[in-house]
Protein backbone atom coordinates (compact mmCIF):
# COMPACT_ATOMS: atom_id res chain seq x y z
CA MET A 1 -151.26 -88.86 -215.72
CA LEU A 2 -152.92 -86.53 -213.23
CA ALA A 3 -153.13 -82.81 -213.98
CA PRO A 4 -154.21 -81.60 -210.52
CA MET A 5 -153.24 -77.95 -210.97
CA GLU A 6 -155.56 -77.56 -213.94
CA ALA A 7 -158.35 -79.13 -211.86
CA VAL A 8 -157.55 -76.70 -209.06
CA ARG A 9 -157.69 -73.75 -211.46
CA ARG A 10 -161.12 -74.78 -212.71
CA LEU A 11 -162.42 -75.18 -209.18
CA MET A 12 -160.90 -71.88 -208.09
CA ASP A 13 -162.98 -70.09 -210.73
CA LEU A 14 -165.98 -70.81 -208.49
CA ARG A 15 -164.53 -68.65 -205.73
CA HIS A 16 -165.47 -65.49 -207.58
CA ARG A 17 -168.38 -66.65 -209.68
CA GLY A 18 -170.58 -69.63 -209.27
CA ARG A 19 -172.80 -71.36 -206.76
CA ALA A 20 -172.48 -74.50 -204.70
CA GLU A 21 -174.77 -76.28 -207.16
CA ASP A 22 -172.23 -75.54 -209.92
CA LEU A 23 -169.67 -77.77 -208.21
CA PRO A 24 -170.97 -81.08 -209.68
CA ARG A 25 -170.61 -79.76 -213.24
CA VAL A 26 -167.11 -78.39 -212.64
CA LEU A 27 -166.03 -81.62 -210.95
CA ALA A 28 -167.44 -83.65 -213.85
CA ASP A 29 -165.36 -81.59 -216.28
CA ALA A 30 -162.26 -81.86 -214.08
CA ALA A 31 -162.55 -85.60 -213.36
CA PRO A 32 -160.56 -86.74 -216.46
CA LEU A 33 -157.71 -84.49 -215.33
CA LEU A 34 -157.55 -86.63 -212.18
CA ASP A 35 -157.71 -90.01 -213.96
CA ALA A 36 -161.27 -90.34 -212.72
CA ASP A 37 -164.47 -91.32 -214.49
CA HIS A 38 -166.36 -89.11 -212.08
CA ALA A 39 -166.06 -87.12 -208.88
CA THR A 40 -169.18 -86.72 -206.74
CA VAL A 41 -169.87 -84.57 -203.68
CA LEU A 42 -171.92 -86.37 -201.02
CA LEU A 43 -173.15 -84.25 -198.10
CA VAL A 44 -174.39 -85.49 -194.74
CA ASP A 45 -178.01 -84.76 -193.87
CA TYR A 46 -179.03 -82.84 -190.76
CA GLY A 47 -179.88 -86.05 -188.95
CA GLN A 48 -176.35 -87.36 -189.71
CA VAL A 49 -177.83 -90.61 -191.00
CA ALA A 50 -176.85 -90.73 -194.69
CA LEU A 51 -174.80 -89.07 -197.43
CA HIS A 52 -176.66 -87.38 -200.30
CA PRO A 53 -175.39 -86.14 -203.69
CA LEU A 54 -175.10 -82.37 -203.82
CA ARG A 55 -177.94 -80.71 -205.71
CA GLY A 56 -176.91 -80.42 -209.35
CA THR A 57 -175.44 -83.94 -209.53
CA THR A 58 -176.64 -85.89 -212.57
CA LEU A 59 -179.36 -88.44 -211.84
CA ASP A 60 -177.36 -91.52 -212.80
CA ARG A 61 -174.95 -90.74 -209.95
CA ALA A 62 -177.58 -89.68 -207.40
CA VAL A 63 -177.05 -92.55 -204.97
CA VAL A 64 -177.78 -92.06 -201.28
CA LEU A 65 -175.32 -93.93 -199.04
CA PRO A 66 -175.94 -94.69 -195.35
CA LEU A 67 -173.33 -93.71 -192.78
CA GLU A 68 -173.63 -97.15 -191.25
CA ASP A 69 -172.47 -100.12 -193.29
CA SER A 70 -170.92 -98.25 -196.21
CA LEU A 71 -167.33 -97.33 -197.01
CA ALA A 72 -168.44 -93.80 -197.87
CA GLY A 73 -170.02 -93.60 -194.41
CA ARG A 74 -166.84 -94.93 -192.86
CA ALA A 75 -164.84 -92.18 -194.57
CA PHE A 76 -167.19 -89.67 -192.95
CA THR A 77 -167.33 -91.18 -189.46
CA THR A 78 -163.60 -91.87 -189.17
CA ALA A 79 -162.35 -88.92 -191.27
CA GLU A 80 -160.12 -91.46 -193.04
CA PRO A 81 -159.91 -92.20 -196.79
CA GLN A 82 -161.53 -95.44 -197.91
CA TRP A 83 -160.70 -97.46 -201.04
CA LEU A 84 -162.63 -100.18 -202.88
CA GLY A 85 -160.67 -101.77 -205.73
CA GLU A 86 -162.46 -102.81 -208.90
CA ASP A 87 -160.62 -104.26 -211.95
CA GLY A 88 -157.47 -102.19 -211.60
CA GLY A 89 -159.33 -99.02 -210.71
CA GLY A 90 -161.88 -98.48 -208.03
CA LEU A 91 -163.72 -96.09 -205.78
CA LEU A 92 -162.00 -93.69 -203.39
CA TRP A 93 -163.91 -91.74 -200.73
CA LEU A 94 -162.21 -88.77 -199.09
CA PRO A 95 -163.68 -86.88 -196.12
CA LEU A 96 -164.80 -83.31 -196.79
CA LEU A 97 -163.55 -81.33 -193.80
CA HIS A 98 -163.98 -77.60 -193.34
CA GLY A 99 -161.54 -77.12 -190.50
CA ALA A 100 -162.71 -79.85 -188.12
CA GLU A 101 -166.32 -79.70 -189.36
CA ARG A 102 -167.45 -82.81 -191.25
CA LEU A 103 -169.45 -81.86 -194.35
CA GLY A 104 -169.55 -85.17 -196.18
CA VAL A 105 -167.27 -87.06 -198.56
CA LEU A 106 -165.88 -86.67 -202.07
CA GLU A 107 -166.22 -89.83 -204.15
CA PHE A 108 -163.83 -90.59 -207.02
CA ARG A 109 -164.21 -93.44 -209.47
CA LEU A 110 -160.58 -93.81 -210.51
CA VAL A 111 -159.11 -95.54 -213.53
CA HIS A 112 -156.12 -96.72 -211.50
CA GLN A 113 -155.33 -97.09 -207.82
CA PRO A 114 -153.47 -93.86 -207.00
CA GLU A 115 -149.89 -93.71 -205.83
CA ALA A 116 -149.16 -91.91 -202.56
CA ALA A 117 -148.32 -88.62 -204.32
CA ASP A 118 -151.49 -88.78 -206.42
CA GLN A 119 -153.48 -89.60 -203.28
CA HIS A 120 -152.13 -86.43 -201.69
CA ASP A 121 -153.18 -84.37 -204.72
CA LEU A 122 -156.71 -85.77 -204.50
CA GLU A 123 -156.82 -84.90 -200.81
CA VAL A 124 -155.88 -81.31 -201.74
CA ILE A 125 -158.78 -81.30 -204.22
CA ALA A 126 -161.12 -82.57 -201.47
CA ALA A 127 -159.94 -79.82 -199.12
CA LEU A 128 -160.59 -77.19 -201.80
CA VAL A 129 -164.06 -78.61 -202.51
CA ALA A 130 -164.88 -78.41 -198.80
CA GLU A 131 -163.78 -74.78 -198.71
CA LEU A 132 -165.89 -73.99 -201.76
CA ILE A 133 -168.97 -75.62 -200.24
CA ALA A 134 -168.51 -73.68 -197.01
CA SER A 135 -167.99 -70.35 -198.78
CA ARG A 136 -170.58 -70.68 -201.57
CA ARG A 137 -173.42 -72.17 -199.51
CA PHE A 138 -174.71 -68.74 -198.50
CA TYR A 139 -175.29 -67.62 -202.11
CA GLY A 140 -178.00 -70.17 -202.80
CA ASP A 141 -179.92 -73.02 -201.18
CA ALA A 142 -178.33 -76.04 -202.88
CA VAL A 143 -176.56 -77.20 -199.71
CA GLU A 144 -179.74 -76.80 -197.64
CA PHE A 145 -181.83 -78.63 -200.26
CA THR A 146 -179.32 -81.47 -200.11
CA ARG A 147 -179.03 -81.73 -196.33
CA ARG A 148 -182.75 -81.48 -195.50
CA ARG A 149 -184.67 -84.71 -195.73
CA LEU A 150 -187.83 -83.32 -194.09
CA PRO A 151 -189.46 -79.88 -194.12
CA MET A 152 -187.83 -77.74 -191.44
CA GLN A 153 -190.18 -75.96 -189.07
CA LEU A 154 -189.75 -72.19 -188.77
CA ALA A 155 -188.54 -72.43 -185.16
CA ALA A 156 -185.79 -74.82 -186.24
CA GLU A 157 -184.91 -72.61 -189.22
CA ILE A 158 -184.40 -69.66 -186.87
CA ILE A 159 -182.12 -71.60 -184.53
CA TRP A 160 -180.01 -73.48 -187.11
CA ASN A 161 -179.25 -70.24 -188.94
CA GLN A 162 -177.63 -68.88 -185.79
CA LEU A 163 -175.54 -71.82 -184.64
CA PRO A 164 -171.78 -72.06 -185.25
CA PRO A 165 -170.34 -75.12 -187.04
CA LEU A 166 -170.83 -78.29 -185.03
CA THR A 167 -167.08 -78.86 -184.57
CA PHE A 168 -164.05 -76.64 -183.99
CA ALA A 169 -160.47 -77.59 -183.11
CA VAL A 170 -157.33 -75.61 -182.40
CA ASP A 171 -153.99 -76.61 -180.85
CA GLY A 172 -155.25 -79.82 -179.29
CA THR A 173 -158.49 -78.34 -177.94
CA THR A 174 -161.76 -79.52 -179.51
CA VAL A 175 -165.37 -78.50 -179.05
CA THR A 176 -168.08 -80.43 -180.86
CA ALA A 177 -171.85 -80.35 -180.43
CA VAL A 178 -175.12 -81.96 -181.52
CA LEU A 179 -178.72 -80.77 -181.47
CA GLU A 180 -181.81 -82.91 -182.06
CA PRO A 181 -184.54 -82.98 -183.29
CA CYS A 182 -183.08 -81.30 -186.35
CA TYR A 183 -186.30 -80.18 -187.98
CA ASP A 184 -188.42 -79.01 -185.05
CA VAL A 185 -186.14 -77.48 -182.41
CA GLY A 186 -186.76 -74.20 -180.68
CA GLY A 187 -185.60 -74.20 -177.09
CA ASP A 188 -181.98 -75.44 -177.11
CA ALA A 189 -178.87 -73.79 -178.51
CA PHE A 190 -175.10 -73.73 -178.11
CA ASP A 191 -172.34 -71.30 -178.98
CA TYR A 192 -168.57 -71.02 -178.83
CA ALA A 193 -165.79 -68.67 -179.87
CA ALA A 194 -161.99 -68.84 -179.66
CA ASN A 195 -160.37 -65.49 -178.88
CA ASP A 196 -156.62 -65.48 -178.26
CA ASP A 197 -156.06 -68.25 -175.69
CA VAL A 198 -159.64 -68.27 -174.39
CA LEU A 199 -162.32 -70.62 -175.67
CA HIS A 200 -165.80 -69.41 -174.74
CA VAL A 201 -168.52 -72.09 -174.64
CA ALA A 202 -172.20 -71.76 -173.75
CA LEU A 203 -175.21 -74.08 -173.71
CA PHE A 204 -178.78 -72.81 -173.37
CA ASP A 205 -182.11 -74.52 -172.64
CA THR A 206 -185.07 -72.19 -173.10
CA VAL A 207 -188.43 -72.77 -171.46
CA GLY A 208 -191.16 -73.70 -173.95
CA HIS A 209 -191.18 -74.82 -177.58
CA GLY A 210 -191.90 -73.46 -181.02
CA ILE A 211 -191.65 -69.89 -182.25
CA SER A 212 -191.91 -68.26 -178.83
CA ALA A 213 -189.04 -70.40 -177.54
CA SER A 214 -186.90 -69.77 -180.62
CA ALA A 215 -187.45 -66.01 -180.27
CA LEU A 216 -186.29 -66.15 -176.64
CA THR A 217 -183.33 -68.32 -177.65
CA THR A 218 -182.43 -65.81 -180.36
CA LEU A 219 -182.36 -62.99 -177.82
CA THR A 220 -180.29 -65.12 -175.43
CA LEU A 221 -177.71 -66.15 -178.05
CA ASN A 222 -177.21 -62.64 -179.36
CA THR A 223 -177.07 -61.07 -175.91
CA TYR A 224 -174.40 -63.63 -174.99
CA ARG A 225 -172.40 -62.76 -178.10
CA ASN A 226 -172.80 -59.04 -177.51
CA ALA A 227 -171.53 -59.38 -173.94
CA ARG A 228 -168.63 -61.58 -175.04
CA ARG A 229 -167.63 -59.22 -177.82
CA SER A 230 -167.86 -56.29 -175.42
CA GLY A 231 -165.26 -57.95 -173.22
CA LEU A 232 -167.57 -58.57 -170.25
CA SER A 233 -166.61 -61.04 -167.55
CA LEU A 234 -168.56 -64.26 -167.03
CA THR A 235 -170.40 -62.66 -164.13
CA ASP A 236 -171.35 -59.56 -166.09
CA THR A 237 -172.27 -61.64 -169.13
CA CYS A 238 -174.67 -63.62 -166.96
CA ARG A 239 -176.13 -60.42 -165.55
CA SER A 240 -176.54 -58.89 -169.02
CA ILE A 241 -178.45 -61.88 -170.43
CA ASP A 242 -180.57 -62.07 -167.29
CA LYS A 243 -181.47 -58.37 -167.56
CA TRP A 244 -182.50 -58.54 -171.22
CA ILE A 245 -184.60 -61.68 -170.80
CA ARG A 246 -186.40 -60.13 -167.86
CA ALA A 247 -187.00 -56.90 -169.79
CA GLN A 248 -188.22 -58.49 -173.02
CA TYR A 249 -189.83 -61.71 -171.77
CA PRO A 250 -190.96 -61.14 -168.16
CA GLY A 251 -191.67 -64.43 -166.41
CA ALA A 252 -189.70 -66.50 -168.94
CA PHE A 253 -186.35 -68.08 -168.17
CA VAL A 254 -183.42 -69.94 -169.72
CA THR A 255 -181.10 -72.39 -167.99
CA ALA A 256 -177.49 -72.11 -169.12
CA LEU A 257 -173.88 -73.08 -168.69
CA LEU A 258 -171.50 -70.20 -169.46
CA ALA A 259 -167.87 -71.32 -169.57
CA GLU A 260 -164.37 -70.16 -170.44
CA LEU A 261 -161.32 -72.33 -170.98
CA ASP A 262 -157.79 -70.94 -171.04
CA MET A 263 -156.39 -73.15 -173.78
CA ALA A 264 -152.80 -72.38 -172.75
CA THR A 265 -153.10 -73.34 -169.10
CA GLY A 266 -156.24 -75.53 -168.85
CA ALA A 267 -157.94 -73.20 -166.35
CA TYR A 268 -161.69 -73.79 -166.70
CA ARG A 269 -164.25 -71.35 -165.29
CA ARG A 270 -168.01 -71.47 -165.53
CA ILE A 271 -171.39 -70.38 -164.21
CA SER A 272 -174.38 -72.71 -164.07
CA ALA A 273 -177.62 -70.74 -164.24
CA GLY A 274 -180.06 -73.38 -163.04
CA HIS A 275 -178.49 -75.94 -165.39
CA PRO A 276 -177.27 -79.52 -164.79
CA ALA A 277 -173.55 -79.81 -164.14
CA GLU A 278 -171.37 -80.93 -167.02
CA LEU A 279 -169.86 -84.42 -166.94
CA PHE A 280 -166.18 -84.39 -166.06
CA LEU A 281 -164.19 -87.30 -167.53
CA ARG A 282 -160.55 -88.01 -166.75
CA ASP A 283 -158.40 -91.10 -167.30
CA GLY A 284 -161.35 -93.26 -168.34
CA GLN A 285 -163.46 -92.35 -165.30
CA ALA A 286 -166.26 -89.94 -164.45
CA ARG A 287 -164.96 -87.54 -161.79
CA GLN A 288 -166.74 -85.32 -159.27
CA PRO A 289 -168.78 -82.71 -161.17
CA LEU A 290 -168.43 -79.01 -160.55
CA PRO A 291 -170.91 -77.45 -158.09
CA SER A 292 -174.19 -76.64 -159.82
CA PRO A 293 -176.22 -74.48 -160.03
CA ASN A 294 -174.38 -71.28 -159.09
CA THR A 295 -177.28 -68.93 -159.70
CA LEU A 296 -180.91 -68.94 -160.78
CA PRO A 297 -181.93 -69.45 -164.42
CA LEU A 298 -181.42 -66.45 -166.67
CA GLY A 299 -184.39 -64.15 -166.39
CA LEU A 300 -184.93 -64.93 -162.71
CA GLY A 301 -181.64 -63.60 -161.33
CA HIS A 302 -183.32 -60.59 -159.72
CA MET A 303 -184.74 -62.97 -157.11
CA LEU A 304 -181.25 -63.38 -155.60
CA ARG A 305 -179.28 -60.63 -153.91
CA ARG A 306 -175.87 -62.23 -154.37
CA PRO A 307 -174.06 -62.17 -157.74
CA PRO A 308 -173.60 -65.32 -159.84
CA ARG A 309 -170.73 -67.44 -158.54
CA VAL A 310 -167.96 -68.53 -160.87
CA VAL A 311 -166.52 -71.97 -160.13
CA GLU A 312 -163.12 -73.09 -161.38
CA ARG A 313 -161.28 -76.30 -162.10
CA GLN A 314 -157.78 -76.92 -163.36
CA LEU A 315 -157.89 -79.36 -166.25
CA GLU A 316 -155.22 -81.90 -167.06
CA PRO A 317 -154.21 -82.82 -170.62
CA GLY A 318 -156.79 -85.19 -172.09
CA ASP A 319 -159.65 -84.08 -169.80
CA THR A 320 -163.13 -84.09 -171.30
CA LEU A 321 -166.15 -82.04 -170.28
CA VAL A 322 -169.62 -82.77 -171.66
CA LEU A 323 -172.32 -80.11 -171.37
CA TYR A 324 -175.87 -81.30 -172.00
CA THR A 325 -179.52 -80.31 -171.70
CA ASP A 326 -182.09 -82.35 -169.83
CA GLY A 327 -183.45 -83.69 -173.11
CA ILE A 328 -180.46 -86.07 -173.01
CA THR A 329 -180.71 -87.43 -169.48
CA GLU A 330 -184.51 -87.26 -169.26
CA ALA A 331 -185.10 -89.26 -172.42
CA ARG A 332 -187.39 -92.20 -171.60
CA ASP A 333 -187.71 -95.67 -173.06
CA ALA A 334 -191.01 -97.49 -173.58
CA SER A 335 -191.14 -98.45 -169.90
CA GLY A 336 -190.58 -94.86 -168.75
CA THR A 337 -187.01 -95.44 -167.55
CA LEU A 338 -184.84 -92.33 -167.78
CA PHE A 339 -181.64 -92.44 -169.81
CA GLY A 340 -179.98 -90.68 -166.88
CA PRO A 341 -176.49 -89.27 -166.23
CA GLU A 342 -175.02 -92.66 -165.29
CA ARG A 343 -175.96 -94.20 -168.62
CA LEU A 344 -174.70 -91.06 -170.37
CA SER A 345 -171.33 -91.34 -168.59
CA ALA A 346 -171.04 -95.03 -169.43
CA PHE A 347 -171.81 -94.38 -173.10
CA LEU A 348 -169.23 -91.60 -173.37
CA LEU A 349 -166.50 -93.47 -171.52
CA ASP A 350 -167.01 -96.53 -173.71
CA ALA A 351 -166.91 -94.53 -176.94
CA LEU A 352 -163.90 -92.46 -175.91
CA GLY A 353 -162.14 -95.59 -174.65
CA GLN A 354 -162.33 -96.92 -178.21
CA ALA A 355 -160.53 -93.79 -179.47
CA THR A 356 -163.62 -92.71 -181.39
CA PRO A 357 -163.20 -89.15 -182.74
CA ALA A 358 -165.10 -86.60 -180.65
CA PRO A 359 -167.54 -85.53 -183.44
CA GLU A 360 -168.41 -89.17 -184.07
CA VAL A 361 -168.98 -89.77 -180.34
CA MET A 362 -171.55 -86.97 -180.34
CA ARG A 363 -173.23 -88.22 -183.51
CA ARG A 364 -173.56 -91.70 -182.01
CA LEU A 365 -174.83 -90.22 -178.76
CA ILE A 366 -177.72 -88.44 -180.41
CA GLN A 367 -178.57 -91.53 -182.47
CA THR A 368 -178.61 -93.51 -179.23
CA ILE A 369 -180.96 -91.01 -177.58
CA VAL A 370 -183.32 -91.06 -180.57
CA SER A 371 -183.33 -94.86 -180.54
CA TYR A 372 -183.89 -94.88 -176.75
CA GLU A 373 -187.06 -92.85 -177.24
CA ASP A 374 -188.13 -95.08 -180.13
CA GLY A 375 -187.45 -92.48 -182.81
CA GLU A 376 -189.50 -89.61 -181.39
CA LEU A 377 -187.95 -87.21 -178.87
CA ARG A 378 -190.16 -85.59 -176.24
CA ASP A 379 -187.77 -82.67 -175.78
CA ASP A 380 -184.82 -81.02 -177.51
CA ALA A 381 -181.62 -82.97 -176.87
CA THR A 382 -178.40 -80.97 -177.07
CA ALA A 383 -174.86 -81.71 -175.94
CA ALA A 384 -171.40 -80.21 -176.40
CA MET A 385 -168.09 -81.95 -175.74
CA LEU A 386 -165.00 -79.99 -174.77
CA ARG A 387 -161.61 -81.75 -174.81
CA TRP A 388 -158.38 -80.07 -173.75
CA ARG A 389 -154.96 -81.03 -175.11
CA HIS A 390 -156.17 -84.40 -176.27
CA PRO A 391 -153.89 -86.18 -178.75
CA PRO A 392 -155.36 -85.33 -182.16
CA HIS A 393 -157.16 -87.90 -184.26
CA ARG A 394 -154.83 -88.36 -187.21
CA PRO A 395 -156.51 -89.82 -190.29
CA LEU A 396 -154.66 -92.75 -191.80
CA ILE A 397 -154.84 -93.90 -195.38
CA ARG A 398 -156.07 -97.49 -195.48
CA TRP A 399 -155.69 -99.42 -198.72
């Protein structure tokens, strides 16, 4: 018989003392309380290719599972529980979700196939484990050791430490992003924040690569946040970033999309500072994009006398906007053919038409871009998807 509350109490002890790497030991001790031989945390790597046992897991359970062609991977990509029966018991994989952010999966080897009520208790345990990973990760490097499969360059370290979680959802509005290459970025970045009914979203593409680009990106990100938190308008935010880039890095520039979405009404407003227009998808079709650009790249705004222009569009429920950097559309195959916006639109419409969850669409997009360039990107490739009042993806238990 399950004793989930005792398992919860043991896990809750980690909230006030303990590290992320202590989770495997606590889960091992708590597993018998859940009629399980073991419970294992598997985290997704930065490339979103495979699931890896959290540092601290005993070696006999340290099995790496690919996202493709594994039930554990399916639990991650679909955010749905997966079950594999074996002699009365079996393996159960539950998605580890921190809000809408996919961290990995929690694997149980169970003595018996759980009843619906027991399944619910295990899902509560998985939710608590996800919260513990998210809260304890900053007190040690166990999560980073687990997720990194290659040494991370300093420029990438600087950028990744400043990015928000890849996915956020509230009241039917979702924003989810990807950034590649994971281990050697420097010029691209994204940011978002939900304040009252307004969702702020920004995408930046900095000139150059390496440390110099990451330093400029750092200034840009934090100037954007400072302006946003000071209550500045889109126009004044654009002016503020432009001023600071020009003062600190004369001659350098950053292309950007700065956007605001009223989540209550669907009113979308944005400025394109020398950046490609976002894709606008509605009812299974690519619609006319918003006018772009509306001003010069950030850092070069002093060359224009007129202020940045804010363009607006009224969204309808289910509308999707995809912001991207030129590393997506300018990816080239072996023959030199560009990936291009048309191929990007076709990919997104096909994936969304299959009701693929937004975070999984973006993961597949970046894998497609990497494959298109034969595994080695020539430029940072970053994209962010914004969906308004789309029917939520509701995980279903499949036995």
